[in-house]
């Protein structure tokens, strides 16, 4: 698997969330949803507010983070997600986020953050 795996780092403004090996990454950028495999052409993309990043680890497990803006940097060997803020989907209380969507004005910062968290949970494939 060494030829299909690459290193990925997920960093937010205040912490390093993840460092490991992946076989596939999906990120939501301002240009659209982007899939990255090993040996992808270098690029720099701007992450959308209220998006998510999905990591398929070398062992087949999936990790998904809700992200609020930032950048995606891809080189031949490494992917780096530099998010303004990020949190793992498995730490999200989906019911609480649905309540936020019902009570907040669409387009508000809280609404967008709740929407991002719910998308991440859905991508992970389970709802709390």
N, C-alpha and C. Protein backbone atom coordinates (compact mmCIF):
# COMPACT_ATOMS: atom_id res chain seq x y z
N UNK A 1 0.80 -1.21 0.00
CA UNK A 1 0.00 0.00 0.00
C UNK A 1 0.84 1.26 0.00
N UNK A 2 2.13 1.14 0.15
CA UNK A 2 2.97 2.31 0.26
C UNK A 2 2.84 3.22 -0.96
N UNK A 3 2.61 2.67 -2.16
CA UNK A 3 2.51 3.51 -3.34
C UNK A 3 1.15 4.18 -3.49
N UNK A 4 0.14 3.79 -2.71
CA UNK A 4 -1.16 4.41 -2.78
C UNK A 4 -1.45 5.32 -1.59
N UNK A 5 -0.58 5.33 -0.60
CA UNK A 5 -0.80 6.14 0.59
C UNK A 5 0.05 7.41 0.53
N UNK A 6 -0.42 8.41 1.24
CA UNK A 6 0.31 9.68 1.34
C UNK A 6 0.09 10.25 2.73
N UNK A 7 0.93 11.18 3.10
CA UNK A 7 0.84 11.79 4.42
C UNK A 7 -0.16 12.94 4.40
N UNK A 8 -0.95 13.05 5.46
CA UNK A 8 -1.89 14.16 5.59
C UNK A 8 -1.79 14.77 6.99
N UNK A 9 -1.89 16.08 7.02
CA UNK A 9 -1.91 16.85 8.27
C UNK A 9 -3.18 17.68 8.25
N UNK A 10 -3.89 17.71 9.38
CA UNK A 10 -5.04 18.60 9.56
C UNK A 10 -4.71 19.49 10.75
N UNK A 11 -4.63 20.78 10.46
CA UNK A 11 -4.23 21.75 11.47
C UNK A 11 -5.26 22.87 11.50
N UNK A 12 -5.68 23.24 12.71
CA UNK A 12 -6.55 24.41 12.85
C UNK A 12 -5.72 25.52 13.48
N UNK A 13 -6.34 26.67 13.67
CA UNK A 13 -5.61 27.82 14.20
C UNK A 13 -4.96 27.54 15.54
N UNK A 14 -5.56 26.67 16.34
CA UNK A 14 -5.04 26.46 17.69
C UNK A 14 -4.48 25.06 17.98
N UNK A 15 -4.60 24.12 17.04
CA UNK A 15 -4.11 22.77 17.34
C UNK A 15 -3.89 21.94 16.08
N UNK A 16 -3.06 20.92 16.22
CA UNK A 16 -2.91 19.92 15.16
C UNK A 16 -3.91 18.82 15.47
N UNK A 17 -4.87 18.62 14.57
CA UNK A 17 -5.93 17.64 14.79
C UNK A 17 -5.54 16.24 14.32
N UNK A 18 -4.71 16.16 13.30
CA UNK A 18 -4.44 14.86 12.72
C UNK A 18 -3.11 14.88 11.97
N UNK A 19 -2.42 13.77 12.06
CA UNK A 19 -1.22 13.53 11.28
C UNK A 19 -1.16 12.04 11.04
N UNK A 20 -1.20 11.62 9.78
CA UNK A 20 -1.20 10.19 9.50
C UNK A 20 -1.13 9.90 8.01
N UNK A 21 -1.38 8.64 7.68
CA UNK A 21 -1.33 8.18 6.29
C UNK A 21 -2.75 7.95 5.78
N UNK A 22 -3.00 8.37 4.55
CA UNK A 22 -4.33 8.23 3.95
C UNK A 22 -4.18 7.69 2.53
N UNK A 23 -5.28 7.13 2.04
CA UNK A 23 -5.32 6.69 0.65
C UNK A 23 -6.23 7.57 -0.20
N UNK A 24 -7.08 8.39 0.47
CA UNK A 24 -8.03 9.23 -0.24
C UNK A 24 -8.47 10.36 0.67
N UNK A 25 -8.62 11.55 0.10
CA UNK A 25 -9.12 12.71 0.84
C UNK A 25 -10.13 13.43 -0.05
N UNK A 26 -11.20 13.88 0.58
CA UNK A 26 -12.17 14.75 -0.10
C UNK A 26 -12.23 16.05 0.69
N UNK A 27 -12.17 17.17 -0.01
CA UNK A 27 -12.29 18.48 0.63
C UNK A 27 -13.23 19.35 -0.18
N UNK A 28 -14.01 20.16 0.52
CA UNK A 28 -14.90 21.10 -0.15
C UNK A 28 -14.17 22.43 -0.29
N UNK A 29 -13.91 22.81 -1.54
CA UNK A 29 -13.20 24.07 -1.81
C UNK A 29 -14.15 25.04 -2.52
N UNK A 30 -13.68 26.26 -2.66
CA UNK A 30 -14.49 27.26 -3.35
C UNK A 30 -14.68 26.93 -4.83
N UNK A 31 -13.87 26.02 -5.35
CA UNK A 31 -13.99 25.58 -6.75
C UNK A 31 -14.83 24.31 -6.88
N UNK A 32 -15.27 23.74 -5.75
CA UNK A 32 -16.07 22.52 -5.75
C UNK A 32 -15.43 21.45 -4.88
N UNK A 33 -16.09 20.31 -4.82
CA UNK A 33 -15.58 19.19 -4.03
C UNK A 33 -14.40 18.57 -4.77
N UNK A 34 -13.32 18.33 -4.02
CA UNK A 34 -12.08 17.88 -4.63
C UNK A 34 -11.64 16.57 -3.99
N UNK A 35 -11.37 15.56 -4.81
CA UNK A 35 -10.84 14.29 -4.33
C UNK A 35 -9.35 14.21 -4.60
N UNK A 36 -8.60 13.70 -3.62
CA UNK A 36 -7.15 13.62 -3.75
C UNK A 36 -6.70 12.18 -3.51
N UNK A 37 -5.94 11.65 -4.44
CA UNK A 37 -5.28 10.35 -4.32
C UNK A 37 -3.78 10.57 -4.27
N UNK A 38 -3.03 9.50 -4.02
CA UNK A 38 -1.57 9.59 -4.00
C UNK A 38 -1.05 10.15 -5.31
N UNK A 39 0.03 10.89 -5.24
CA UNK A 39 0.70 11.48 -6.40
C UNK A 39 -0.15 12.49 -7.16
N UNK A 40 -1.11 13.12 -6.47
CA UNK A 40 -1.94 14.16 -7.08
C UNK A 40 -1.06 15.33 -7.50
N UNK A 41 -1.44 15.99 -8.56
CA UNK A 41 -0.72 17.20 -8.99
C UNK A 41 -0.77 18.23 -7.87
N UNK A 42 0.29 18.99 -7.67
CA UNK A 42 0.28 20.03 -6.63
C UNK A 42 -0.81 21.06 -6.88
N UNK A 43 -1.42 21.51 -5.80
CA UNK A 43 -2.44 22.56 -5.90
C UNK A 43 -2.62 23.22 -4.55
N UNK A 44 -3.22 24.39 -4.60
CA UNK A 44 -3.62 25.11 -3.39
C UNK A 44 -5.06 25.50 -3.58
N UNK A 45 -5.93 25.10 -2.65
CA UNK A 45 -7.34 25.41 -2.75
C UNK A 45 -7.84 26.09 -1.49
N UNK A 46 -8.83 26.95 -1.65
CA UNK A 46 -9.44 27.61 -0.51
C UNK A 46 -10.64 26.78 -0.05
N UNK A 47 -10.66 26.42 1.24
CA UNK A 47 -11.77 25.65 1.80
C UNK A 47 -12.98 26.55 2.00
N UNK A 48 -14.16 25.99 1.79
CA UNK A 48 -15.38 26.77 1.97
C UNK A 48 -15.71 26.89 3.45
N UNK A 49 -16.40 27.97 3.78
CA UNK A 49 -16.97 28.10 5.12
C UNK A 49 -18.08 27.06 5.22
N UNK A 50 -18.15 26.36 6.30
CA UNK A 50 -19.21 25.38 6.48
C UNK A 50 -19.03 24.11 5.69
N UNK A 51 -17.80 23.73 5.41
CA UNK A 51 -17.53 22.52 4.64
C UNK A 51 -17.05 21.37 5.51
N UNK A 52 -16.54 20.34 4.84
CA UNK A 52 -15.97 19.20 5.55
C UNK A 52 -14.77 18.67 4.78
N UNK A 53 -13.95 17.92 5.50
CA UNK A 53 -12.84 17.19 4.91
C UNK A 53 -12.97 15.74 5.34
N UNK A 54 -12.94 14.82 4.38
CA UNK A 54 -13.03 13.38 4.65
C UNK A 54 -11.67 12.76 4.39
N UNK A 55 -11.22 11.94 5.32
CA UNK A 55 -9.95 11.23 5.20
C UNK A 55 -10.23 9.74 5.24
N UNK A 56 -9.80 9.03 4.22
CA UNK A 56 -9.85 7.58 4.27
C UNK A 56 -8.43 7.12 4.62
N UNK A 57 -8.30 6.56 5.81
CA UNK A 57 -6.99 6.18 6.30
C UNK A 57 -6.47 4.94 5.58
N UNK A 58 -5.19 4.72 5.69
CA UNK A 58 -4.54 3.60 5.03
C UNK A 58 -5.20 2.28 5.40
N UNK A 59 -5.66 2.13 6.62
CA UNK A 59 -6.31 0.90 7.06
C UNK A 59 -7.78 0.79 6.67
N UNK A 60 -8.33 1.80 5.98
CA UNK A 60 -9.72 1.74 5.52
C UNK A 60 -10.70 2.51 6.39
N UNK A 61 -10.29 2.99 7.55
CA UNK A 61 -11.20 3.75 8.41
C UNK A 61 -11.39 5.15 7.85
N UNK A 62 -12.57 5.72 8.11
CA UNK A 62 -12.89 7.07 7.65
C UNK A 62 -12.91 8.03 8.82
N UNK A 63 -12.35 9.21 8.62
CA UNK A 63 -12.43 10.31 9.58
C UNK A 63 -12.98 11.50 8.81
N UNK A 64 -13.88 12.22 9.44
CA UNK A 64 -14.46 13.39 8.79
C UNK A 64 -14.42 14.56 9.78
N UNK A 65 -14.00 15.71 9.29
CA UNK A 65 -13.96 16.92 10.11
C UNK A 65 -14.82 18.00 9.47
N UNK A 66 -15.59 18.68 10.31
CA UNK A 66 -16.28 19.89 9.88
C UNK A 66 -15.25 21.01 9.90
N UNK A 67 -15.13 21.75 8.82
CA UNK A 67 -14.14 22.82 8.75
C UNK A 67 -14.80 24.15 8.43
N UNK A 68 -14.20 25.19 8.97
CA UNK A 68 -14.68 26.55 8.74
C UNK A 68 -13.58 27.35 8.07
N UNK A 69 -13.53 27.30 6.75
CA UNK A 69 -12.56 28.08 5.99
C UNK A 69 -11.14 27.57 6.14
N UNK A 70 -10.25 28.21 5.42
CA UNK A 70 -8.85 27.84 5.45
C UNK A 70 -8.38 27.42 4.07
N UNK A 71 -7.32 26.60 4.04
CA UNK A 71 -6.72 26.21 2.78
C UNK A 71 -6.38 24.72 2.74
N UNK A 72 -6.32 24.18 1.53
CA UNK A 72 -5.89 22.82 1.27
C UNK A 72 -4.65 22.92 0.40
N UNK A 73 -3.56 22.32 0.85
CA UNK A 73 -2.32 22.32 0.09
C UNK A 73 -1.99 20.88 -0.27
N UNK A 74 -1.76 20.64 -1.56
CA UNK A 74 -1.45 19.29 -2.04
C UNK A 74 -0.10 19.34 -2.76
N UNK A 75 0.81 18.47 -2.33
CA UNK A 75 2.07 18.27 -3.05
C UNK A 75 2.05 16.82 -3.53
N UNK A 76 3.08 16.37 -4.17
CA UNK A 76 3.14 15.00 -4.64
C UNK A 76 3.09 13.98 -3.52
N UNK A 77 3.56 14.33 -2.33
CA UNK A 77 3.65 13.38 -1.22
C UNK A 77 2.80 13.71 -0.01
N UNK A 78 2.32 14.96 0.10
CA UNK A 78 1.65 15.40 1.33
C UNK A 78 0.42 16.24 1.02
N UNK A 79 -0.61 16.07 1.86
CA UNK A 79 -1.78 16.94 1.84
C UNK A 79 -1.84 17.63 3.20
N UNK A 80 -2.01 18.95 3.18
CA UNK A 80 -2.13 19.70 4.42
C UNK A 80 -3.43 20.49 4.38
N UNK A 81 -4.23 20.32 5.42
CA UNK A 81 -5.46 21.08 5.60
C UNK A 81 -5.17 22.11 6.68
N UNK A 82 -5.22 23.39 6.30
CA UNK A 82 -5.00 24.48 7.25
C UNK A 82 -6.34 25.17 7.46
N UNK A 83 -7.10 24.70 8.43
CA UNK A 83 -8.45 25.20 8.65
C UNK A 83 -8.47 26.32 9.69
N UNK A 84 -9.35 27.28 9.49
CA UNK A 84 -9.53 28.31 10.51
C UNK A 84 -10.01 27.66 11.80
N UNK A 85 -10.96 26.74 11.67
CA UNK A 85 -11.38 25.91 12.80
C UNK A 85 -11.87 24.58 12.23
N UNK A 86 -11.75 23.53 13.04
CA UNK A 86 -12.17 22.20 12.60
C UNK A 86 -12.50 21.35 13.81
N UNK A 87 -13.42 20.42 13.62
CA UNK A 87 -13.74 19.47 14.68
C UNK A 87 -14.21 18.17 14.05
N UNK A 88 -13.92 17.06 14.73
CA UNK A 88 -14.26 15.74 14.21
C UNK A 88 -15.76 15.47 14.30
N UNK A 89 -16.30 14.84 13.27
CA UNK A 89 -17.72 14.53 13.19
C UNK A 89 -18.18 13.64 14.33
N UNK A 90 -17.32 12.73 14.79
CA UNK A 90 -17.75 11.82 15.85
C UNK A 90 -17.85 12.52 17.22
N UNK A 91 -17.50 13.80 17.28
CA UNK A 91 -17.65 14.57 18.51
C UNK A 91 -18.85 15.52 18.46
N UNK A 92 -19.61 15.46 17.36
CA UNK A 92 -20.73 16.37 17.14
C UNK A 92 -22.03 15.76 17.68
N UNK A 93 -22.82 16.57 18.36
CA UNK A 93 -24.15 16.19 18.80
C UNK A 93 -25.13 16.64 17.70
N UNK A 94 -25.53 15.73 16.84
CA UNK A 94 -26.35 16.05 15.68
C UNK A 94 -27.69 16.67 16.07
N UNK A 95 -28.31 16.20 17.14
CA UNK A 95 -29.60 16.76 17.56
C UNK A 95 -29.45 18.23 17.97
N UNK A 96 -28.39 18.56 18.67
CA UNK A 96 -28.15 19.94 19.06
C UNK A 96 -27.92 20.82 17.83
N UNK A 97 -27.22 20.29 16.84
CA UNK A 97 -26.96 21.07 15.63
C UNK A 97 -28.24 21.28 14.82
N UNK A 98 -29.13 20.28 14.81
CA UNK A 98 -30.42 20.45 14.14
C UNK A 98 -31.24 21.55 14.81
N UNK A 99 -31.18 21.62 16.13
CA UNK A 99 -31.88 22.68 16.87
C UNK A 99 -31.35 24.05 16.49
N UNK A 100 -30.05 24.14 16.32
CA UNK A 100 -29.44 25.42 15.90
C UNK A 100 -29.98 25.81 14.52
N UNK A 101 -30.06 24.85 13.60
CA UNK A 101 -30.58 25.15 12.26
C UNK A 101 -32.01 25.67 12.31
N UNK A 102 -32.81 25.14 13.24
CA UNK A 102 -34.20 25.57 13.37
C UNK A 102 -34.33 26.95 14.01
N UNK A 103 -33.39 27.31 14.87
CA UNK A 103 -33.53 28.55 15.62
C UNK A 103 -32.73 29.73 15.05
N UNK A 104 -31.72 29.46 14.26
CA UNK A 104 -30.87 30.54 13.74
C UNK A 104 -31.30 30.98 12.35
N UNK A 105 -30.94 32.19 12.01
CA UNK A 105 -31.23 32.72 10.70
C UNK A 105 -30.31 32.07 9.67
N UNK A 106 -30.90 31.62 8.56
CA UNK A 106 -30.11 30.99 7.50
C UNK A 106 -29.03 31.95 7.03
N UNK A 107 -27.80 31.44 6.93
CA UNK A 107 -26.68 32.25 6.50
C UNK A 107 -25.88 32.86 7.64
N UNK A 108 -26.42 32.82 8.87
CA UNK A 108 -25.67 33.35 10.00
C UNK A 108 -24.48 32.44 10.31
N UNK A 109 -23.51 32.96 11.03
CA UNK A 109 -22.32 32.16 11.35
C UNK A 109 -22.68 30.88 12.11
N UNK A 110 -23.57 30.97 13.08
CA UNK A 110 -23.98 29.78 13.84
C UNK A 110 -24.69 28.77 12.94
N UNK A 111 -25.52 29.26 12.02
CA UNK A 111 -26.24 28.39 11.09
C UNK A 111 -25.25 27.64 10.19
N UNK A 112 -24.30 28.36 9.63
CA UNK A 112 -23.31 27.76 8.74
C UNK A 112 -22.47 26.73 9.48
N UNK A 113 -22.06 27.04 10.71
CA UNK A 113 -21.26 26.10 11.50
C UNK A 113 -22.07 24.84 11.82
N UNK A 114 -23.34 24.98 12.18
CA UNK A 114 -24.19 23.82 12.46
C UNK A 114 -24.39 22.98 11.21
N UNK A 115 -24.59 23.64 10.09
CA UNK A 115 -24.77 22.94 8.82
C UNK A 115 -23.51 22.13 8.48
N UNK A 116 -22.35 22.72 8.69
CA UNK A 116 -21.07 22.05 8.45
C UNK A 116 -20.93 20.81 9.33
N UNK A 117 -21.26 20.97 10.59
CA UNK A 117 -21.15 19.84 11.52
C UNK A 117 -22.06 18.69 11.11
N UNK A 118 -23.29 19.01 10.69
CA UNK A 118 -24.23 17.96 10.27
C UNK A 118 -23.76 17.29 8.98
N UNK A 119 -23.21 18.04 8.05
CA UNK A 119 -22.68 17.43 6.83
C UNK A 119 -21.55 16.46 7.16
N UNK A 120 -20.70 16.86 8.08
CA UNK A 120 -19.58 16.00 8.48
C UNK A 120 -20.11 14.70 9.09
N UNK A 121 -21.11 14.80 9.93
CA UNK A 121 -21.71 13.62 10.55
C UNK A 121 -22.30 12.71 9.47
N UNK A 122 -23.00 13.30 8.52
CA UNK A 122 -23.59 12.51 7.43
C UNK A 122 -22.51 11.81 6.60
N UNK A 123 -21.44 12.50 6.33
CA UNK A 123 -20.35 11.90 5.56
C UNK A 123 -19.67 10.76 6.32
N UNK A 124 -19.64 10.88 7.63
CA UNK A 124 -19.04 9.84 8.44
C UNK A 124 -19.89 8.56 8.38
N UNK A 125 -21.20 8.75 8.15
CA UNK A 125 -22.07 7.60 7.96
C UNK A 125 -22.85 7.16 9.19
N UNK A 126 -22.80 7.96 10.22
CA UNK A 126 -23.65 7.66 11.37
C UNK A 126 -24.09 8.95 12.02
N UNK A 127 -25.26 8.93 12.60
CA UNK A 127 -25.83 10.11 13.26
C UNK A 127 -26.03 9.80 14.72
N UNK A 128 -25.57 10.71 15.57
CA UNK A 128 -25.77 10.55 17.02
C UNK A 128 -27.18 10.92 17.38
